Amino acid sequence: MAQNCFHPSIEGAQHGAKNLAQFLDYAKKSGASGAQPSNYMLQDGAGFKSAKEIKATFAKAKMTLDGVSAHCPFWVHTTAWTGSPTIRPFLPPEVARKSPADIEKWTEDYLLRLLDLCAELGVKIVPMFWGVAFGWEMATGYPWGFWKGGDYDLLKEGQDRFVKKTGKLRTHARKLGLYLAHEIHPGTAAMCADDFNMLVQICAGDKCLAVNADPSHCWEGESWETRFRKVGPRIYACHVKNFVIRPGFPLRAMAPNWPDRAMQFVDIPSGDLNMLRYVEMLINVGYPQRYCQVMDCKTAPLIVEAESAYRDLDATSANGMAYVRDHLCFPLAAGSFEEGMGA
């Protein structure tokens, strides 16, 4: 009998109002069999819950632990040097008031402890994204000619900065056998596939540099298939998320309210992207096989991260989990459909 290679799961960062037990209860009732809690859901005061307590909570809920979403602290760590106030929402108030250098050091220590916890939990794949290591000028991606001058080179400076600032975290991840799965994303250290491959190159092919595939961030010219086939061998994690592009509206505009923006995250079934084709591509580039080998399990998670500017968040995510369960976790073909022809 043909077997499924996926199971439905959910990302927890958008559901931070829930504690870990509440989040797992909601996910279970919505159709998921696994979950990817955020780092905040694992906190306990100034530290983290014990691995024993976290495992017990998952066991009680009869859910699999499909990674720990660490996007926020990693982004803060590699962005703090810019002095941007945008990092403050992700920090304790007393830390947010510190200097950029102190914030970077605090976040590095926090992440080292989080990686230790992941290793103790048996979580070897950590979805995340690196911050604005190359500076806000380059993060715009705007094709003008002011990134290099007689006395500066923003690209070269950013490359040196990335290698230096991430070195301790990458070394620790390699030591623990972990993969840091960067979500290629606007406004991060790698905004397209070529950017990510550059990071791998400047870090001498560091094996811990992995990719968290998310098609909903491919909305400025690079299709999800182009992007993820370029980095296919390094895809160790994934999100399932959809969007729509409103024709005639500028993709880059200072619109703080989501309903005013040209690109809208939406429920998974109705977006512009074909999720089934995306999942087939993930199979083709080896994501489920790679995940199952590293995590020593039988199925890989399709992790829902559905959002909407209009629809209630819990309802949007529940709809996404049910859709993944019912439409994307399908039995794999045992061979080519041509093999039985003429028999």
C-alpha atoms as a PDB file:
ATOM      1  CA  MET A   1       0.000   0.000   0.000  1.00  0.00           C
ATOM      2  CA  ALA A   2       1.331   3.470  -0.927  1.00  0.00           C
ATOM      3  CA  GLN A   3       2.429   5.539   2.048  1.00  0.00           C
ATOM      4  CA  ASN A   4       2.154   9.236   2.821  1.00  0.00           C
ATOM      5  CA  CYS A   5       5.449  11.055   3.256  1.00  0.00           C
ATOM      6  CA  PHE A   6       3.899  14.115   4.963  1.00  0.00           C
ATOM      7  CA  HIS A   7       1.805  14.976   7.986  1.00  0.00           C
ATOM      8  CA  PRO A   8      -0.035  18.261   8.758  1.00  0.00           C
ATOM      9  CA  SER A   9       1.621  20.619  11.198  1.00  0.00           C
ATOM     10  CA  ILE A  10       1.519  24.285  12.263  1.00  0.00           C
ATOM     11  CA  GLU A  11       3.936  27.106  13.091  1.00  0.00           C
ATOM     12  CA  GLY A  12       3.425  28.706  16.494  1.00  0.00           C
ATOM     13  CA  ALA A  13       4.861  32.225  16.270  1.00  0.00           C
ATOM     14  CA  GLN A  14       1.548  33.733  15.117  1.00  0.00           C
ATOM     15  CA  HIS A  15      -0.257  32.100  18.035  1.00  0.00           C
ATOM     16  CA  GLY A  16       1.818  33.547  20.841  1.00  0.00           C
ATOM     17  CA  ALA A  17      -1.221  34.447  22.946  1.00  0.00           C
ATOM     18  CA  LYS A  18      -1.540  30.718  23.663  1.00  0.00           C
ATOM     19  CA  ASN A  19       0.763  28.811  25.976  1.00  0.00           C
ATOM     20  CA  LEU A  20       2.281  25.560  24.736  1.00  0.00           C
ATOM     21  CA  ALA A  21      -0.498  23.287  25.991  1.00  0.00           C
ATOM     22  CA  GLN A  22      -3.211  25.582  24.611  1.00  0.00           C
ATOM     23  CA  PHE A  23      -1.445  25.810  21.265  1.00  0.00           C
ATOM     24  CA  LEU A  24      -1.166  22.032  20.939  1.00  0.00           C
ATOM     25  CA  ASP A  25      -4.802  21.549  21.930  1.00  0.00           C
ATOM     26  CA  TYR A  26      -5.885  24.062  19.265  1.00  0.00           C
ATOM     27  CA  ALA A  27      -3.646  22.461  16.622  1.00  0.00           C
ATOM     28  CA  LYS A  28      -4.902  18.961  17.399  1.00  0.00           C
ATOM     29  CA  LYS A  29      -8.550  19.990  17.179  1.00  0.00           C
ATOM     30  CA  SER A  30      -7.853  21.782  13.877  1.00  0.00           C
ATOM     31  CA  GLY A  31      -6.470  18.709  12.143  1.00  0.00           C
ATOM     32  CA  ALA A  32      -2.718  18.822  12.748  1.00  0.00           C
ATOM     33  CA  SER A  33      -0.752  15.858  14.054  1.00  0.00           C
ATOM     34  CA  GLY A  34       2.418  17.852  14.736  1.00  0.00           C
ATOM     35  CA  ALA A  35       3.457  21.367  15.695  1.00  0.00           C
ATOM     36  CA  GLN A  36       6.381  23.780  15.530  1.00  0.00           C
ATOM     37  CA  PRO A  37       6.128  25.967  18.649  1.00  0.00           C
ATOM     38  CA  SER A  38       7.901  29.301  18.816  1.00  0.00           C
ATOM     39  CA  ASN A  39      10.835  29.837  21.129  1.00  0.00           C
ATOM     40  CA  TYR A  40       8.579  32.015  23.299  1.00  0.00           C
ATOM     41  CA  MET A  41       6.222  29.113  23.987  1.00  0.00           C
ATOM     42  CA  LEU A  42       9.157  27.212  25.478  1.00  0.00           C
ATOM     43  CA  GLN A  43      10.213  29.982  27.857  1.00  0.00           C
ATOM     44  CA  ASP A  44       9.793  29.779  31.611  1.00  0.00           C
ATOM     45  CA  GLY A  45      10.670  32.999  33.375  1.00  0.00           C
ATOM     46  CA  ALA A  46      14.218  34.020  32.500  1.00  0.00           C
ATOM     47  CA  GLY A  47      15.012  30.569  31.120  1.00  0.00           C
ATOM     48  CA  PHE A  48      13.368  27.722  29.256  1.00  0.00           C
ATOM     49  CA  LYS A  49      11.092  24.891  30.277  1.00  0.00           C
ATOM     50  CA  SER A  50      12.931  21.615  30.757  1.00  0.00           C
ATOM     51  CA  ALA A  51      13.129  19.205  27.844  1.00  0.00           C
ATOM     52  CA  LYS A  52      11.297  16.690  30.021  1.00  0.00           C
ATOM     53  CA  GLU A  53       8.357  19.058  30.568  1.00  0.00           C
ATOM     54  CA  ILE A  54       8.158  19.981  26.870  1.00  0.00           C
ATOM     55  CA  LYS A  55       8.238  16.337  25.784  1.00  0.00           C
ATOM     56  CA  ALA A  56       5.554  15.476  28.337  1.00  0.00           C
ATOM     57  CA  THR A  57       3.306  18.265  27.040  1.00  0.00           C
ATOM     58  CA  PHE A  58       3.636  16.960  23.470  1.00  0.00           C
ATOM     59  CA  ALA A  59       3.092  13.374  24.601  1.00  0.00           C
ATOM     60  CA  LYS A  60      -0.073  14.315  26.491  1.00  0.00           C
ATOM     61  CA  ALA A  61      -1.400  16.078  23.389  1.00  0.00           C
ATOM     62  CA  LYS A  62      -0.343  13.101  21.208  1.00  0.00           C
ATOM     63  CA  MET A  63       1.453  15.473  18.848  1.00  0.00           C
ATOM     64  CA  THR A  64       4.895  15.333  17.228  1.00  0.00           C
ATOM     65  CA  LEU A  65       7.452  18.067  17.865  1.00  0.00           C
ATOM     66  CA  ASP A  66       8.331  19.308  14.378  1.00  0.00           C
ATOM     67  CA  GLY A  67      10.974  21.904  15.199  1.00  0.00           C
ATOM     68  CA  VAL A  68      11.166  25.170  17.096  1.00  0.00           C
ATOM     69  CA  SER A  69      10.442  28.429  15.300  1.00  0.00           C
ATOM     70  CA  ALA A  70      13.380  30.688  16.168  1.00  0.00           C
ATOM     71  CA  HIS A  71      12.886  33.379  13.526  1.00  0.00           C
ATOM     72  CA  CYS A  72      12.510  36.302  15.923  1.00  0.00           C
ATOM     73  CA  PRO A  73      15.659  35.946  18.072  1.00  0.00           C
ATOM     74  CA  PHE A  74      17.864  35.091  15.091  1.00  0.00           C
ATOM     75  CA  TRP A  75      16.576  38.141  13.222  1.00  0.00           C
ATOM     76  CA  VAL A  76      17.225  40.347  16.261  1.00  0.00           C
ATOM     77  CA  HIS A  77      20.732  38.959  16.660  1.00  0.00           C
ATOM     78  CA  THR A  78      21.859  39.813  13.124  1.00  0.00           C
ATOM     79  CA  THR A  79      19.964  43.137  13.006  1.00  0.00           C
ATOM     80  CA  ALA A  80      20.836  44.663  16.393  1.00  0.00           C
ATOM     81  CA  TRP A  81      24.041  46.313  15.075  1.00  0.00           C
ATOM     82  CA  THR A  82      21.894  48.650  12.928  1.00  0.00           C
ATOM     83  CA  GLY A  83      20.261  50.195  16.001  1.00  0.00           C
ATOM     84  CA  SER A  84      16.831  49.682  14.446  1.00  0.00           C
ATOM     85  CA  PRO A  85      13.848  50.050  16.820  1.00  0.00           C
ATOM     86  CA  THR A  86      12.111  47.226  14.917  1.00  0.00           C
ATOM     87  CA  ILE A  87      13.878  44.644  17.072  1.00  0.00           C
ATOM     88  CA  ARG A  88      12.276  45.873  20.303  1.00  0.00           C
ATOM     89  CA  PRO A  89       8.946  44.012  20.024  1.00  0.00           C
ATOM     90  CA  PHE A  90      10.836  40.712  20.212  1.00  0.00           C
ATOM     91  CA  LEU A  91      12.836  41.510  23.351  1.00  0.00           C
ATOM     92  CA  PRO A  92      12.108  41.817  27.080  1.00  0.00           C
ATOM     93  CA  PRO A  93      11.657  45.539  27.888  1.00  0.00           C
ATOM     94  CA  GLU A  94      14.752  45.651  30.067  1.00  0.00           C
ATOM     95  CA  VAL A  95      16.857  44.168  27.254  1.00  0.00           C
ATOM     96  CA  ALA A  96      15.336  46.397  24.559  1.00  0.00           C
ATOM     97  CA  ARG A  97      16.733  49.451  26.390  1.00  0.00           C
ATOM     98  CA  LYS A  98      20.311  48.198  26.140  1.00  0.00           C
ATOM     99  CA  SER A  99      22.911  49.240  23.551  1.00  0.00           C
ATOM    100  CA  PRO A 100      23.011  47.436  20.190  1.00  0.00           C
ATOM    101  CA  ALA A 101      26.184  45.606  21.216  1.00  0.00           C
ATOM    102  CA  ASP A 102      24.622  44.470  24.502  1.00  0.00           C
ATOM    103  CA  ILE A 103      21.435  43.350  22.747  1.00  0.00           C
ATOM    104  CA  GLU A 104      23.464  41.328  20.253  1.00  0.00           C
ATOM    105  CA  LYS A 105      25.399  39.652  23.069  1.00  0.00           C
ATOM    106  CA  TRP A 106      22.222  38.928  25.050  1.00  0.00           C
ATOM    107  CA  THR A 107      20.540  37.419  21.996  1.00  0.00           C
ATOM    108  CA  GLU A 108      23.569  35.311  21.132  1.00  0.00           C
ATOM    109  CA  ASP A 109      23.597  33.850  24.650  1.00  0.00           C
ATOM    110  CA  TYR A 110      19.830  33.242  24.426  1.00  0.00           C
ATOM    111  CA  LEU A 111      20.206  31.440  21.093  1.00  0.00           C
ATOM    112  CA  LEU A 112      23.066  29.265  22.311  1.00  0.00           C
ATOM    113  CA  ARG A 113      20.857  28.093  25.188  1.00  0.00           C
ATOM    114  CA  LEU A 114      17.946  27.572  22.793  1.00  0.00           C
ATOM    115  CA  LEU A 115      20.115  25.428  20.518  1.00  0.00           C
ATOM    116  CA  ASP A 116      21.163  23.346  23.528  1.00  0.00           C
ATOM    117  CA  LEU A 117      17.482  22.817  24.344  1.00  0.00           C
ATOM    118  CA  CYS A 118      16.693  21.839  20.752  1.00  0.00           C
ATOM    119  CA  ALA A 119      19.469  19.247  20.817  1.00  0.00           C
ATOM    120  CA  GLU A 120      18.149  17.840  24.109  1.00  0.00           C
ATOM    121  CA  LEU A 121      14.672  17.632  22.575  1.00  0.00           C
ATOM    122  CA  GLY A 122      15.986  15.802  19.531  1.00  0.00           C
ATOM    123  CA  VAL A 123      15.097  18.740  17.280  1.00  0.00           C
ATOM    124  CA  LYS A 124      17.902  18.869  14.719  1.00  0.00           C
ATOM    125  CA  ILE A 125      16.273  21.290  12.251  1.00  0.00           C
ATOM    126  CA  VAL A 126      15.693  24.861  13.450  1.00  0.00           C
ATOM    127  CA  PRO A 127      13.616  27.123  11.148  1.00  0.00           C
ATOM    128  CA  MET A 128      14.727  30.745  11.409  1.00  0.00           C
ATOM    129  CA  PHE A 129      16.018  33.678   9.382  1.00  0.00           C
ATOM    130  CA  TRP A 130      19.173  35.742   9.619  1.00  0.00           C
ATOM    131  CA  GLY A 131      18.706  39.476  10.091  1.00  0.00           C
ATOM    132  CA  VAL A 132      19.872  42.559   8.230  1.00  0.00           C
ATOM    133  CA  ALA A 133      23.560  41.662   8.242  1.00  0.00           C
ATOM    134  CA  PHE A 134      24.208  43.635   5.050  1.00  0.00           C
ATOM    135  CA  GLY A 135      22.506  46.847   6.235  1.00  0.00           C
ATOM    136  CA  TRP A 136      19.179  48.446   5.440  1.00  0.00           C
ATOM    137  CA  GLU A 137      20.440  50.003   2.197  1.00  0.00           C
ATOM    138  CA  MET A 138      21.092  46.610   0.655  1.00  0.00           C
ATOM    139  CA  ALA A 139      17.988  45.116   2.271  1.00  0.00           C
ATOM    140  CA  THR A 140      15.906  47.393   0.043  1.00  0.00           C
ATOM    141  CA  GLY A 141      17.190  45.420  -2.937  1.00  0.00           C
ATOM    142  CA  TYR A 142      16.818  48.608  -4.931  1.00  0.00           C
ATOM    143  CA  PRO A 143      18.945  48.503  -8.093  1.00  0.00           C
ATOM    144  CA  TRP A 144      20.790  51.759  -7.877  1.00  0.00           C
ATOM    145  CA  GLY A 145      24.536  52.362  -7.966  1.00  0.00           C
ATOM    146  CA  PHE A 146      25.323  53.579  -4.470  1.00  0.00           C
ATOM    147  CA  TRP A 147      26.300  50.347  -2.704  1.00  0.00           C
ATOM    148  CA  LYS A 148      29.972  50.864  -3.419  1.00  0.00           C
ATOM    149  CA  GLY A 149      32.129  53.985  -3.406  1.00  0.00           C
ATOM    150  CA  GLY A 150      35.729  55.055  -3.131  1.00  0.00           C
ATOM    151  CA  ASP A 151      35.889  54.361   0.604  1.00  0.00           C
ATOM    152  CA  TYR A 152      33.175  51.741   1.157  1.00  0.00           C
ATOM    153  CA  ASP A 153      31.749  48.519  -0.244  1.00  0.00           C
ATOM    154  CA  LEU A 154      28.478  47.575   1.441  1.00  0.00           C
ATOM    155  CA  LEU A 155      28.416  44.068  -0.035  1.00  0.00           C
ATOM    156  CA  LYS A 156      31.954  43.172   1.064  1.00  0.00           C
ATOM    157  CA  GLU A 157      31.415  44.742   4.490  1.00  0.00           C
ATOM    158  CA  GLY A 158      28.186  42.772   4.875  1.00  0.00           C
ATOM    159  CA  GLN A 159      29.851  39.511   3.888  1.00  0.00           C
ATOM    160  CA  ASP A 160      32.568  40.021   6.497  1.00  0.00           C
ATOM    161  CA  ARG A 161      29.977  41.037   9.080  1.00  0.00           C
ATOM    162  CA  PHE A 162      27.815  37.977   8.448  1.00  0.00           C
ATOM    163  CA  VAL A 163      30.687  35.523   8.721  1.00  0.00           C
ATOM    164  CA  LYS A 164      31.918  37.127  11.947  1.00  0.00           C
ATOM    165  CA  LYS A 165      28.590  37.696  13.697  1.00  0.00           C
ATOM    166  CA  THR A 166      27.149  34.253  12.957  1.00  0.00           C
ATOM    167  CA  GLY A 167      30.349  32.312  13.570  1.00  0.00           C
ATOM    168  CA  LYS A 168      29.727  31.320  17.191  1.00  0.00           C
ATOM    169  CA  LEU A 169      26.140  30.244  16.506  1.00  0.00           C
ATOM    170  CA  ARG A 170      27.090  28.247  13.422  1.00  0.00           C
ATOM    171  CA  THR A 171      29.937  26.524  15.249  1.00  0.00           C
ATOM    172  CA  HIS A 172      27.623  25.566  18.107  1.00  0.00           C
ATOM    173  CA  ALA A 173      24.965  24.294  15.698  1.00  0.00           C
ATOM    174  CA  ARG A 174      27.506  22.113  13.879  1.00  0.00           C
ATOM    175  CA  LYS A 175      28.776  20.752  17.180  1.00  0.00           C
ATOM    176  CA  LEU A 176      25.228  19.743  18.136  1.00  0.00           C
ATOM    177  CA  GLY A 177      24.434  18.355  14.691  1.00  0.00           C
ATOM    178  CA  LEU A 178      21.764  21.002  14.050  1.00  0.00           C
ATOM    179  CA  TYR A 179      20.669  22.664  10.798  1.00  0.00           C
ATOM    180  CA  LEU A 180      19.797  26.383  10.860  1.00  0.00           C
ATOM    181  CA  ALA A 181      17.084  26.627   8.206  1.00  0.00           C
ATOM    182  CA  HIS A 182      16.977  30.189   6.866  1.00  0.00           C
ATOM    183  CA  GLU A 183      13.645  31.326   5.470  1.00  0.00           C
ATOM    184  CA  ILE A 184      14.604  33.230   2.320  1.00  0.00           C
ATOM    185  CA  HIS A 185      12.685  36.417   2.910  1.00  0.00           C
ATOM    186  CA  PRO A 186      12.631  40.138   2.053  1.00  0.00           C
ATOM    187  CA  GLY A 187      14.568  42.213   4.568  1.00  0.00           C
ATOM    188  CA  THR A 188      16.854  39.406   5.766  1.00  0.00           C
ATOM    189  CA  ALA A 189      20.453  38.400   5.054  1.00  0.00           C
ATOM    190  CA  ALA A 190      19.311  36.318   2.044  1.00  0.00           C
ATOM    191  CA  MET A 191      16.351  37.640   0.068  1.00  0.00           C
ATOM    192  CA  CYS A 192      16.607  35.275  -2.901  1.00  0.00           C
ATOM    193  CA  ALA A 193      18.249  31.969  -3.783  1.00  0.00           C
ATOM    194  CA  ASP A 194      21.429  33.589  -5.082  1.00  0.00           C
ATOM    195  CA  ASP A 195      21.775  35.538  -1.828  1.00  0.00           C
ATOM    196  CA  PHE A 196      21.518  32.323   0.180  1.00  0.00           C
ATOM    197  CA  ASN A 197      24.056  30.524  -1.994  1.00  0.00           C
ATOM    198  CA  MET A 198      26.374  33.489  -1.444  1.00  0.00           C
ATOM    199  CA  LEU A 199      26.087  33.000   2.331  1.00  0.00           C
ATOM    200  CA  VAL A 200      27.044  29.353   1.921  1.00  0.00           C
ATOM    201  CA  GLN A 201      30.023  30.344  -0.208  1.00  0.00           C
ATOM    202  CA  ILE A 202      31.400  32.996   2.163  1.00  0.00           C
ATOM    203  CA  CYS A 203      30.999  30.533   5.068  1.00  0.00           C
ATOM    204  CA  ALA A 204      33.088  27.916   3.238  1.00  0.00           C
ATOM    205  CA  GLY A 205      30.123  25.620   2.553  1.00  0.00           C
ATOM    206  CA  ASP A 206      29.067  25.405   6.214  1.00  0.00           C
ATOM    207  CA  LYS A 207      26.771  22.349   6.388  1.00  0.00           C
ATOM    208  CA  CYS A 208      24.576  23.898   9.106  1.00  0.00           C
ATOM    209  CA  LEU A 209      23.332  26.564   6.671  1.00  0.00           C
ATOM    210  CA  ALA A 210      20.001  25.166   5.514  1.00  0.00           C
ATOM    211  CA  VAL A 211      16.776  26.508   3.981  1.00  0.00           C
ATOM    212  CA  ASN A 212      13.228  26.724   5.279  1.00  0.00           C
ATOM    213  CA  ALA A 213      11.157  26.773   2.077  1.00  0.00           C
ATOM    214  CA  ASP A 214       8.207  29.190   2.110  1.00  0.00           C
ATOM    215  CA  PRO A 215       6.582  30.056  -1.234  1.00  0.00           C
ATOM    216  CA  SER A 216       4.667  33.034   0.144  1.00  0.00           C
ATOM    217  CA  HIS A 217       7.799  35.180   0.061  1.00  0.00           C
ATOM    218  CA  CYS A 218       8.333  34.745  -3.675  1.00  0.00           C
ATOM    219  CA  TRP A 219       6.385  37.787  -4.811  1.00  0.00           C
ATOM    220  CA  GLU A 220       8.934  40.026  -6.508  1.00  0.00           C
ATOM    221  CA  GLY A 221       9.940  38.210  -9.671  1.00  0.00           C
ATOM    222  CA  GLU A 222      11.618  35.026  -8.459  1.00  0.00           C
ATOM    223  CA  SER A 223       9.079  32.205  -8.586  1.00  0.00           C
ATOM    224  CA  TRP A 224       8.988  29.617  -5.830  1.00  0.00           C
ATOM    225  CA  GLU A 225      10.136  26.935  -8.264  1.00  0.00           C
ATOM    226  CA  THR A 226      13.117  28.969  -9.473  1.00  0.00           C
ATOM    227  CA  ARG A 227      14.087  29.835  -5.900  1.00  0.00           C
ATOM    228  CA  PHE A 228      13.810  26.444  -4.293  1.00  0.00           C
ATOM    229  CA  ARG A 229      15.324  24.413  -7.091  1.00  0.00           C
ATOM    230  CA  LYS A 230      18.448  26.592  -6.824  1.00  0.00           C
ATOM    231  CA  VAL A 231      18.809  25.683  -3.148  1.00  0.00           C
ATOM    232  CA  GLY A 232      17.087  22.272  -3.272  1.00  0.00           C
ATOM    233  CA  PRO A 233      19.811  20.166  -1.593  1.00  0.00           C
ATOM    234  CA  ARG A 234      19.752  22.484   1.437  1.00  0.00           C
ATOM    235  CA  ILE A 235      15.981  22.452   2.053  1.00  0.00           C
ATOM    236  CA  TYR A 236      15.502  20.809   5.446  1.00  0.00           C
ATOM    237  CA  ALA A 237      12.281  22.548   6.534  1.00  0.00           C
ATOM    238  CA  CYS A 238       9.200  24.101   4.974  1.00  0.00           C
ATOM    239  CA  HIS A 239       6.157  26.261   5.533  1.00  0.00           C
ATOM    240  CA  VAL A 240       2.876  26.152   3.639  1.00  0.00           C
ATOM    241  CA  LYS A 241       1.563  29.673   3.099  1.00  0.00           C
ATOM    242  CA  ASN A 242      -0.221  31.535   0.320  1.00  0.00           C
ATOM    243  CA  PHE A 243      -0.697  35.076  -0.966  1.00  0.00           C
ATOM    244  CA  VAL A 244      -2.446  37.198  -3.554  1.00  0.00           C
ATOM    245  CA  ILE A 245      -0.993  40.104  -5.518  1.00  0.00           C
ATOM    246  CA  ARG A 246      -3.452  42.955  -6.072  1.00  0.00           C
ATOM    247  CA  PRO A 247      -2.952  44.096  -9.680  1.00  0.00           C
ATOM    248  CA  GLY A 248      -2.019  47.713 -10.191  1.00  0.00           C
ATOM    249  CA  PHE A 249      -0.811  48.368  -6.648  1.00  0.00           C
ATOM    250  CA  PRO A 250       2.888  49.012  -5.899  1.00  0.00           C
ATOM    251  CA  LEU A 251       4.644  46.136  -4.131  1.00  0.00           C
ATOM    252  CA  ARG A 252       6.958  48.622  -2.408  1.00  0.00           C
ATOM    253  CA  ALA A 253       4.974  51.350  -0.666  1.00  0.00           C
ATOM    254  CA  MET A 254       4.889  52.817   2.849  1.00  0.00           C
ATOM    255  CA  ALA A 255       1.567  51.215   3.796  1.00  0.00           C
ATOM    256  CA  PRO A 256       1.614  50.189   7.471  1.00  0.00           C
ATOM    257  CA  ASN A 257      -1.816  48.516   7.393  1.00  0.00           C
ATOM    258  CA  TRP A 258      -1.985  45.059   5.818  1.00  0.00           C
ATOM    259  CA  PRO A 259      -5.293  45.631   3.966  1.00  0.00           C
ATOM    260  CA  ASP A 260      -3.663  48.522   2.074  1.00  0.00           C
ATOM    261  CA  ARG A 261      -0.749  46.471   0.743  1.00  0.00           C
ATOM    262  CA  ALA A 262      -0.381  45.038  -2.741  1.00  0.00           C
ATOM    263  CA  MET A 263       0.766  41.644  -1.458  1.00  0.00           C
ATOM    264  CA  GLN A 264      -1.703  40.005   0.926  1.00  0.00           C
ATOM    265  CA  PHE A 265      -1.158  36.804   2.882  1.00  0.00           C
ATOM    266  CA  VAL A 266      -4.372  34.780   2.596  1.00  0.00           C
ATOM    267  CA  ASP A 267      -5.937  31.445   3.447  1.00  0.00           C
ATOM    268  CA  ILE A 268      -4.190  28.563   1.723  1.00  0.00           C
ATOM    269  CA  PRO A 269      -6.960  27.345  -0.641  1.00  0.00           C
ATOM    270  CA  SER A 270      -7.750  30.714  -2.277  1.00  0.00           C
ATOM    271  CA  GLY A 271      -4.327  32.269  -2.891  1.00  0.00           C
ATOM    272  CA  ASP A 272      -2.449  32.798  -6.142  1.00  0.00           C
ATOM    273  CA  LEU A 273      -0.045  29.904  -5.527  1.00  0.00           C
ATOM    274  CA  ASN A 274      -0.803  26.286  -6.336  1.00  0.00           C
ATOM    275  CA  MET A 275       0.085  24.507  -3.104  1.00  0.00           C
ATOM    276  CA  LEU A 276      -0.140  21.041  -4.615  1.00  0.00           C
ATOM    277  CA  ARG A 277       2.485  21.883  -7.239  1.00  0.00           C
ATOM    278  CA  TYR A 278       4.665  23.380  -4.473  1.00  0.00           C
ATOM    279  CA  VAL A 279       4.454  20.175  -2.418  1.00  0.00           C
ATOM    280  CA  GLU A 280       5.298  18.075  -5.475  1.00  0.00           C
ATOM    281  CA  MET A 281       8.406  20.209  -5.972  1.00  0.00           C
ATOM    282  CA  LEU A 282       9.398  19.637  -2.333  1.00  0.00           C
ATOM    283  CA  ILE A 283       9.222  15.894  -2.964  1.00  0.00           C
ATOM    284  CA  ASN A 284      11.227  16.241  -6.175  1.00  0.00           C
ATOM    285  CA  VAL A 285      14.083  18.137  -4.485  1.00  0.00           C
ATOM    286  CA  GLY A 286      14.211  15.637  -1.612  1.00  0.00           C
ATOM    287  CA  TYR A 287      12.809  17.606   1.316  1.00  0.00           C
ATOM    288  CA  PRO A 288      10.744  14.831   2.954  1.00  0.00           C
ATOM    289  CA  GLN A 289      13.489  12.238   2.533  1.00  0.00           C
ATOM    290  CA  ARG A 290      16.062  14.649   3.953  1.00  0.00           C
ATOM    291  CA  TYR A 291      13.900  15.631   6.920  1.00  0.00           C
ATOM    292  CA  CYS A 292      13.010  12.055   7.807  1.00  0.00           C
ATOM    293  CA  GLN A 293      16.635  10.966   7.649  1.00  0.00           C
ATOM    294  CA  VAL A 294      17.845  13.761   9.930  1.00  0.00           C
ATOM    295  CA  MET A 295      14.931  13.542  12.368  1.00  0.00           C
ATOM    296  CA  ASP A 296      14.683   9.724  12.241  1.00  0.00           C
ATOM    297  CA  CYS A 297      10.958   9.674  11.528  1.00  0.00           C
ATOM    298  CA  LYS A 298       8.564   8.284   8.911  1.00  0.00           C
ATOM    299  CA  THR A 299       6.817  11.474   7.693  1.00  0.00           C
ATOM    300  CA  ALA A 300       7.911  15.080   7.224  1.00  0.00           C
ATOM    301  CA  PRO A 301       5.772  18.016   8.354  1.00  0.00           C
ATOM    302  CA  LEU A 302       3.937  20.389   6.042  1.00  0.00           C
ATOM    303  CA  ILE A 303       3.848  23.314   8.430  1.00  0.00           C
ATOM    304  CA  VAL A 304       0.937  25.715   8.037  1.00  0.00           C
ATOM    305  CA  GLU A 305       1.617  29.421   8.543  1.00  0.00           C
ATOM    306  CA  ALA A 306      -1.623  30.829   7.120  1.00  0.00           C
ATOM    307  CA  GLU A 307      -2.384  34.501   7.792  1.00  0.00           C
ATOM    308  CA  SER A 308      -5.028  36.960   6.643  1.00  0.00           C
ATOM    309  CA  ALA A 309      -5.612  40.687   6.955  1.00  0.00           C
ATOM    310  CA  TYR A 310      -9.356  40.044   7.187  1.00  0.00           C
ATOM    311  CA  ARG A 311     -10.067  36.577   8.528  1.00  0.00           C
ATOM    312  CA  ASP A 312      -9.607  35.629  12.199  1.00  0.00           C
ATOM    313  CA  LEU A 313      -6.138  34.159  12.708  1.00  0.00           C
ATOM    314  CA  ASP A 314      -7.249  30.979  14.468  1.00  0.00           C
ATOM    315  CA  ALA A 315      -9.896  30.372  11.802  1.00  0.00           C
ATOM    316  CA  THR A 316      -7.380  30.988   9.009  1.00  0.00           C
ATOM    317  CA  SER A 317      -4.861  28.578  10.506  1.00  0.00           C
ATOM    318  CA  ALA A 318      -7.499  25.931  11.245  1.00  0.00           C
ATOM    319  CA  ASN A 319      -8.675  26.124   7.633  1.00  0.00           C
ATOM    320  CA  GLY A 320      -5.061  25.717   6.520  1.00  0.00           C
ATOM    321  CA  MET A 321      -4.404  22.670   8.684  1.00  0.00           C
ATOM    322  CA  ALA A 322      -7.547  20.965   7.423  1.00  0.00           C
ATOM    323  CA  TYR A 323      -6.588  21.768   3.826  1.00  0.00           C
ATOM    324  CA  VAL A 324      -3.096  20.336   4.245  1.00  0.00           C
ATOM    325  CA  ARG A 325      -4.474  17.208   5.926  1.00  0.00           C
ATOM    326  CA  ASP A 326      -7.127  16.626   3.278  1.00  0.00           C
ATOM    327  CA  HIS A 327      -5.342  17.705   0.092  1.00  0.00           C
ATOM    328  CA  LEU A 328      -1.550  17.782   0.486  1.00  0.00           C
ATOM    329  CA  CYS A 329      -0.773  14.677   2.554  1.00  0.00           C
ATOM    330  CA  PHE A 330      -1.317  12.215  -0.273  1.00  0.00           C
ATOM    331  CA  PRO A 331       0.087   8.708  -0.890  1.00  0.00           C
ATOM    332  CA  LEU A 332       3.166   8.724  -3.091  1.00  0.00           C
ATOM    333  CA  ALA A 333       3.278   7.019  -6.464  1.00  0.00           C
ATOM    334  CA  ALA A 334       5.142   3.720  -6.290  1.00  0.00           C
ATOM    335  CA  GLY A 335       6.414   4.186  -9.854  1.00  0.00           C
ATOM    336  CA  SER A 336       5.678   5.908 -13.147  1.00  0.00           C
ATOM    337  CA  PHE A 337       2.103   5.841 -14.436  1.00  0.00           C
ATOM    338  CA  GLU A 338       3.584   4.644 -17.739  1.00  0.00           C
ATOM    339  CA  GLU A 339       4.742   1.365 -16.227  1.00  0.00           C
ATOM    340  CA  GLY A 340       1.253  -0.202 -16.236  1.00  0.00           C
ATOM    341  CA  MET A 341       0.305   0.928 -19.720  1.00  0.00           C
ATOM    342  CA  GLY A 342      -0.236  -1.909 -22.183  1.00  0.00           C
ATOM    343  CA  ALA A 343      -0.130  -4.558 -19.494  1.00  0.00           C
END
